[in-house]
Amino acid sequence: MIIRKFKNEDSVELAEVIAKTLRTTNSKDYSSEYIENDISFLTADKLIERSNWTKNYGNT
């Protein structure tokens, strides 16, 4: 695995992975309404915006 910095073109796929993960791992502890609310704030555009002030990494 090669770790690299986040690229804007990663944002759509990353948003999908985050949504799938939240729905899978958090469904036992949180309502679907709560999870979907969180997901609504983790869009591809928001991930790009956050990448300007946070450190994000991915793998290739």
Protein backbone atom coordinates (compact mmCIF):
# COMPACT_ATOMS: atom_id res chain seq x y z
CA MET A 1 0.00 0.00 0.00
CA ILE A 2 1.23 3.46 -0.88
CA ILE A 3 -0.05 6.32 1.29
CA ARG A 4 -0.48 9.68 -0.39
CA LYS A 5 -2.15 13.00 0.22
CA PHE A 6 -5.82 13.45 -0.60
CA LYS A 7 -6.59 14.68 -4.10
CA ASN A 8 -9.79 16.52 -5.01
CA GLU A 9 -10.66 13.81 -7.52
CA ASP A 10 -10.85 11.35 -4.57
CA SER A 11 -13.78 13.23 -3.03
CA VAL A 12 -16.72 11.43 -4.68
CA GLU A 13 -15.39 7.96 -3.93
CA LEU A 14 -14.37 8.96 -0.41
CA ALA A 15 -17.83 10.37 0.31
CA GLU A 16 -19.33 7.05 -0.85
CA VAL A 17 -16.97 5.04 1.38
CA ILE A 18 -17.76 7.23 4.39
CA ALA A 19 -21.52 6.89 3.80
CA LYS A 20 -21.31 3.10 3.42
CA THR A 21 -19.13 2.80 6.52
CA LEU A 22 -21.40 4.96 8.67
CA ARG A 23 -24.48 3.03 7.55
CA THR A 24 -22.78 -0.30 8.24
CA THR A 25 -20.90 0.27 11.47
CA ASN A 26 -23.11 2.80 13.22
CA SER A 27 -26.53 1.32 12.51
CA LYS A 28 -26.56 -0.59 15.80
CA ASP A 29 -25.91 2.51 17.89
CA TYR A 30 -27.62 5.35 15.99
CA SER A 31 -30.91 5.88 14.20
CA SER A 32 -30.91 5.99 10.42
CA GLU A 33 -32.08 9.61 10.65
CA TYR A 34 -29.01 10.52 12.73
CA ILE A 35 -26.66 8.69 10.34
CA GLU A 36 -28.21 10.23 7.22
CA ASN A 37 -27.91 13.67 8.81
CA ASP A 38 -24.17 13.11 9.34
CA ILE A 39 -23.79 11.82 5.79
CA SER A 40 -25.51 14.93 4.42
CA PHE A 41 -22.62 17.00 5.80
CA LEU A 42 -19.92 14.74 4.35
CA THR A 43 -20.44 15.42 0.66
CA ALA A 44 -17.66 15.42 -1.92
CA ASP A 45 -17.67 19.23 -1.94
CA LYS A 46 -17.40 19.40 1.85
CA LEU A 47 -14.51 16.92 1.83
CA ILE A 48 -12.67 19.11 -0.66
CA GLU A 49 -13.39 22.16 1.49
CA ARG A 50 -12.12 20.40 4.63
CA SER A 51 -8.98 19.24 2.83
CA ASN A 52 -7.88 22.87 2.69
CA TRP A 53 -7.48 23.00 6.48
CA THR A 54 -7.01 19.36 7.52
CA LYS A 55 -4.52 16.66 6.61
CA ASN A 56 -6.12 13.83 4.66
CA TYR A 57 -4.44 10.79 3.23
CA GLY A 58 -5.46 7.95 0.97
CA ASN A 59 -3.86 4.93 -0.54
CA THR A 60 -3.21 3.81 -4.08
